[in-house]
Amino acid sequence: MKTSRPKTSIMALLAACCLAIAGCASMTVDGRIEQNYDAFNRLSPAQQAEVRAGRVAVGMPETAVYMALGAPSARAERVTEQGGHELMWIYSRLAPVAVWPVDYYPYGWPASPQWVYQKEPVAKIIFRDGKVASWEQSLP
């Protein structure tokens, strides 16, 4: 009797691809807005415009920042001089860095570099009482 292993494998692969594509929809601003539709509708019209443009403004709640920029690369908490607590969202990207080997080829010219990637912070957002108190971003 013949088995249908190839068909089963193809169906499993197809299902995995569909799930991956569905998961990617939430990676866009529109996808994140769709996931948080009620929270988006509670924002002011000015904040809604900022979210749609993928920008952050002082006074935005955490959910609005998530819709505009996505999940942060890291989160940190800090205590202020007044004893208050602030939450910091850090957004990073991977930047290529050339690393030259110590060894040299004969005749004195250096070997070619090896390329590695390291995290480079591009934006930090400070929340106080659940709203953006300040933010900074790296310039190109």
C-alpha atoms as a PDB file:
ATOM      1  CA  MET A   1       0.000   0.000   0.000  1.00  0.00           C
ATOM      2  CA  LYS A   2       1.297   3.456  -0.921  1.00  0.00           C
ATOM      3  CA  THR A   3       1.746   6.086   1.758  1.00  0.00           C
ATOM      4  CA  SER A   4       1.087   9.759   1.218  1.00  0.00           C
ATOM      5  CA  ARG A   5       4.145  11.083   3.023  1.00  0.00           C
ATOM      6  CA  PRO A   6       5.060  13.586   0.289  1.00  0.00           C
ATOM      7  CA  LYS A   7       1.517  14.991   0.332  1.00  0.00           C
ATOM      8  CA  THR A   8       1.558  15.213   4.122  1.00  0.00           C
ATOM      9  CA  SER A   9       4.937  16.975   4.079  1.00  0.00           C
ATOM     10  CA  ILE A  10       3.767  19.443   1.456  1.00  0.00           C
ATOM     11  CA  MET A  11       0.583  20.184   3.408  1.00  0.00           C
ATOM     12  CA  ALA A  12       2.559  20.727   6.615  1.00  0.00           C
ATOM     13  CA  LEU A  13       4.947  23.062   4.809  1.00  0.00           C
ATOM     14  CA  LEU A  14       2.052  24.968   3.262  1.00  0.00           C
ATOM     15  CA  ALA A  15       0.370  25.346   6.666  1.00  0.00           C
ATOM     16  CA  ALA A  16       3.618  26.617   8.214  1.00  0.00           C
ATOM     17  CA  CYS A  17       4.027  29.167   5.405  1.00  0.00           C
ATOM     18  CA  CYS A  18       0.456  30.411   5.885  1.00  0.00           C
ATOM     19  CA  LEU A  19       1.036  30.872   9.617  1.00  0.00           C
ATOM     20  CA  ALA A  20       4.304  32.701   8.960  1.00  0.00           C
ATOM     21  CA  ILE A  21       2.639  35.049   6.482  1.00  0.00           C
ATOM     22  CA  ALA A  22      -0.237  35.687   8.893  1.00  0.00           C
ATOM     23  CA  GLY A  23       2.277  36.474  11.647  1.00  0.00           C
ATOM     24  CA  CYS A  24       4.089  38.964   9.427  1.00  0.00           C
ATOM     25  CA  ALA A  25       0.930  41.042   9.044  1.00  0.00           C
ATOM     26  CA  SER A  26       1.286  42.225  12.641  1.00  0.00           C
ATOM     27  CA  MET A  27       4.810  43.504  11.889  1.00  0.00           C
ATOM     28  CA  THR A  28       3.442  46.507   9.963  1.00  0.00           C
ATOM     29  CA  VAL A  29       1.905  49.645  11.448  1.00  0.00           C
ATOM     30  CA  ASP A  30      -1.465  48.760   9.914  1.00  0.00           C
ATOM     31  CA  GLY A  31      -1.282  45.234  11.301  1.00  0.00           C
ATOM     32  CA  ARG A  32      -0.503  46.498  14.798  1.00  0.00           C
ATOM     33  CA  ILE A  33      -3.338  49.048  14.555  1.00  0.00           C
ATOM     34  CA  GLU A  34      -5.700  46.266  13.512  1.00  0.00           C
ATOM     35  CA  GLN A  35      -4.611  44.166  16.518  1.00  0.00           C
ATOM     36  CA  ASN A  36      -5.193  47.136  18.872  1.00  0.00           C
ATOM     37  CA  TYR A  37      -8.189  48.696  17.133  1.00  0.00           C
ATOM     38  CA  ASP A  38     -10.013  49.792  20.319  1.00  0.00           C
ATOM     39  CA  ALA A  39      -6.885  51.389  21.786  1.00  0.00           C
ATOM     40  CA  PHE A  40      -6.219  53.161  18.476  1.00  0.00           C
ATOM     41  CA  ASN A  41      -9.754  54.616  18.412  1.00  0.00           C
ATOM     42  CA  ARG A  42      -9.272  56.013  21.948  1.00  0.00           C
ATOM     43  CA  LEU A  43      -6.281  58.116  20.773  1.00  0.00           C
ATOM     44  CA  SER A  44      -6.722  61.737  19.778  1.00  0.00           C
ATOM     45  CA  PRO A  45      -6.816  62.446  16.017  1.00  0.00           C
ATOM     46  CA  ALA A  46      -3.314  63.992  16.253  1.00  0.00           C
ATOM     47  CA  GLN A  47      -1.948  60.871  17.964  1.00  0.00           C
ATOM     48  CA  GLN A  48      -3.668  58.629  15.410  1.00  0.00           C
ATOM     49  CA  ALA A  49      -1.932  60.547  12.616  1.00  0.00           C
ATOM     50  CA  GLU A  50       1.438  60.158  14.367  1.00  0.00           C
ATOM     51  CA  VAL A  51       0.891  56.409  14.812  1.00  0.00           C
ATOM     52  CA  ARG A  52      -0.069  55.959  11.140  1.00  0.00           C
ATOM     53  CA  ALA A  53       3.126  57.818  10.161  1.00  0.00           C
ATOM     54  CA  GLY A  54       5.231  55.603  12.469  1.00  0.00           C
ATOM     55  CA  ARG A  55       6.249  58.501  14.711  1.00  0.00           C
ATOM     56  CA  VAL A  56       6.270  59.093  18.465  1.00  0.00           C
ATOM     57  CA  ALA A  57       5.081  62.194  20.330  1.00  0.00           C
ATOM     58  CA  VAL A  58       5.268  63.262  23.967  1.00  0.00           C
ATOM     59  CA  GLY A  59       2.109  62.234  25.826  1.00  0.00           C
ATOM     60  CA  MET A  60       1.441  59.060  23.811  1.00  0.00           C
ATOM     61  CA  PRO A  61       0.513  55.938  25.790  1.00  0.00           C
ATOM     62  CA  GLU A  62       2.638  52.781  25.542  1.00  0.00           C
ATOM     63  CA  THR A  63       0.141  51.072  23.230  1.00  0.00           C
ATOM     64  CA  ALA A  64       0.382  53.947  20.740  1.00  0.00           C
ATOM     65  CA  VAL A  65       4.182  53.690  20.685  1.00  0.00           C
ATOM     66  CA  TYR A  66       3.904  49.936  20.148  1.00  0.00           C
ATOM     67  CA  MET A  67       1.524  50.496  17.225  1.00  0.00           C
ATOM     68  CA  ALA A  68       3.837  53.118  15.695  1.00  0.00           C
ATOM     69  CA  LEU A  69       7.221  51.405  16.161  1.00  0.00           C
ATOM     70  CA  GLY A  70       6.559  47.816  17.186  1.00  0.00           C
ATOM     71  CA  ALA A  71       8.018  45.955  20.130  1.00  0.00           C
ATOM     72  CA  PRO A  72      11.244  47.381  21.575  1.00  0.00           C
ATOM     73  CA  SER A  73      14.550  45.499  21.384  1.00  0.00           C
ATOM     74  CA  ALA A  74      14.980  45.922  25.155  1.00  0.00           C
ATOM     75  CA  ARG A  75      13.249  47.459  28.163  1.00  0.00           C
ATOM     76  CA  ALA A  76      14.791  48.988  31.252  1.00  0.00           C
ATOM     77  CA  GLU A  77      13.487  50.638  34.383  1.00  0.00           C
ATOM     78  CA  ARG A  78      15.161  53.509  36.161  1.00  0.00           C
ATOM     79  CA  VAL A  79      14.557  55.399  39.361  1.00  0.00           C
ATOM     80  CA  THR A  80      14.682  59.194  39.319  1.00  0.00           C
ATOM     81  CA  GLU A  81      16.135  61.515  41.965  1.00  0.00           C
ATOM     82  CA  GLN A  82      12.622  62.244  43.196  1.00  0.00           C
ATOM     83  CA  GLY A  83      12.035  58.515  43.758  1.00  0.00           C
ATOM     84  CA  GLY A  84       9.794  58.088  40.745  1.00  0.00           C
ATOM     85  CA  HIS A  85      10.021  55.221  38.297  1.00  0.00           C
ATOM     86  CA  GLU A  86      10.480  55.536  34.560  1.00  0.00           C
ATOM     87  CA  LEU A  87      10.285  52.840  31.930  1.00  0.00           C
ATOM     88  CA  MET A  88      12.682  53.006  28.985  1.00  0.00           C
ATOM     89  CA  TRP A  89      12.063  51.261  25.664  1.00  0.00           C
ATOM     90  CA  ILE A  90      15.202  50.832  23.579  1.00  0.00           C
ATOM     91  CA  TYR A  91      15.047  50.193  19.838  1.00  0.00           C
ATOM     92  CA  SER A  92      18.157  48.785  18.150  1.00  0.00           C
ATOM     93  CA  ARG A  93      19.337  47.667  14.739  1.00  0.00           C
ATOM     94  CA  LEU A  94      22.134  45.374  13.671  1.00  0.00           C
ATOM     95  CA  ALA A  95      25.075  47.288  12.201  1.00  0.00           C
ATOM     96  CA  PRO A  96      27.937  45.644  10.272  1.00  0.00           C
ATOM     97  CA  VAL A  97      31.404  46.023  11.787  1.00  0.00           C
ATOM     98  CA  ALA A  98      34.671  44.998  10.113  1.00  0.00           C
ATOM     99  CA  VAL A  99      37.037  42.976  12.287  1.00  0.00           C
ATOM    100  CA  TRP A 100      40.574  42.618  10.950  1.00  0.00           C
ATOM    101  CA  PRO A 101      42.401  39.406  11.804  1.00  0.00           C
ATOM    102  CA  VAL A 102      45.695  39.673  13.640  1.00  0.00           C
ATOM    103  CA  ASP A 103      47.515  37.439  11.172  1.00  0.00           C
ATOM    104  CA  TYR A 104      48.883  38.818   7.910  1.00  0.00           C
ATOM    105  CA  TYR A 105      49.480  37.150   4.617  1.00  0.00           C
ATOM    106  CA  PRO A 106      53.049  36.707   3.428  1.00  0.00           C
ATOM    107  CA  TYR A 107      54.494  39.798   1.746  1.00  0.00           C
ATOM    108  CA  GLY A 108      52.898  42.073   4.347  1.00  0.00           C
ATOM    109  CA  TRP A 109      49.394  42.904   3.094  1.00  0.00           C
ATOM    110  CA  PRO A 110      46.555  42.333   5.552  1.00  0.00           C
ATOM    111  CA  ALA A 111      43.986  39.606   5.214  1.00  0.00           C
ATOM    112  CA  SER A 112      40.455  40.685   4.342  1.00  0.00           C
ATOM    113  CA  PRO A 113      38.198  41.653   7.246  1.00  0.00           C
ATOM    114  CA  GLN A 114      35.540  39.458   8.756  1.00  0.00           C
ATOM    115  CA  TRP A 115      32.156  41.128   9.069  1.00  0.00           C
ATOM    116  CA  VAL A 116      30.183  40.790  12.280  1.00  0.00           C
ATOM    117  CA  TYR A 117      26.975  42.489  13.345  1.00  0.00           C
ATOM    118  CA  GLN A 118      26.470  44.270  16.628  1.00  0.00           C
ATOM    119  CA  LYS A 119      23.407  45.943  18.120  1.00  0.00           C
ATOM    120  CA  GLU A 120      23.355  49.694  17.731  1.00  0.00           C
ATOM    121  CA  PRO A 121      20.685  51.674  19.631  1.00  0.00           C
ATOM    122  CA  VAL A 122      18.666  53.948  17.352  1.00  0.00           C
ATOM    123  CA  ALA A 123      15.931  55.222  19.684  1.00  0.00           C
ATOM    124  CA  LYS A 124      15.132  55.438  23.391  1.00  0.00           C
ATOM    125  CA  ILE A 125      11.684  56.285  24.677  1.00  0.00           C
ATOM    126  CA  ILE A 126      11.073  57.226  28.322  1.00  0.00           C
ATOM    127  CA  PHE A 127       7.632  56.569  29.817  1.00  0.00           C
ATOM    128  CA  ARG A 128       6.422  58.192  33.011  1.00  0.00           C
ATOM    129  CA  ASP A 129       2.997  57.156  34.339  1.00  0.00           C
ATOM    130  CA  GLY A 130       2.378  55.096  31.196  1.00  0.00           C
ATOM    131  CA  LYS A 131       2.906  57.989  28.759  1.00  0.00           C
ATOM    132  CA  VAL A 132       5.868  59.219  26.715  1.00  0.00           C
ATOM    133  CA  ALA A 133       7.771  61.757  28.810  1.00  0.00           C
ATOM    134  CA  SER A 134      10.705  62.142  26.396  1.00  0.00           C
ATOM    135  CA  TRP A 135      12.397  60.362  23.528  1.00  0.00           C
ATOM    136  CA  GLU A 136      15.610  60.499  21.561  1.00  0.00           C
ATOM    137  CA  GLN A 137      16.824  58.985  18.342  1.00  0.00           C
ATOM    138  CA  SER A 138      20.149  58.634  16.572  1.00  0.00           C
ATOM    139  CA  LEU A 139      20.785  60.815  13.565  1.00  0.00           C
ATOM    140  CA  PRO A 140      22.027  59.212  10.343  1.00  0.00           C
END
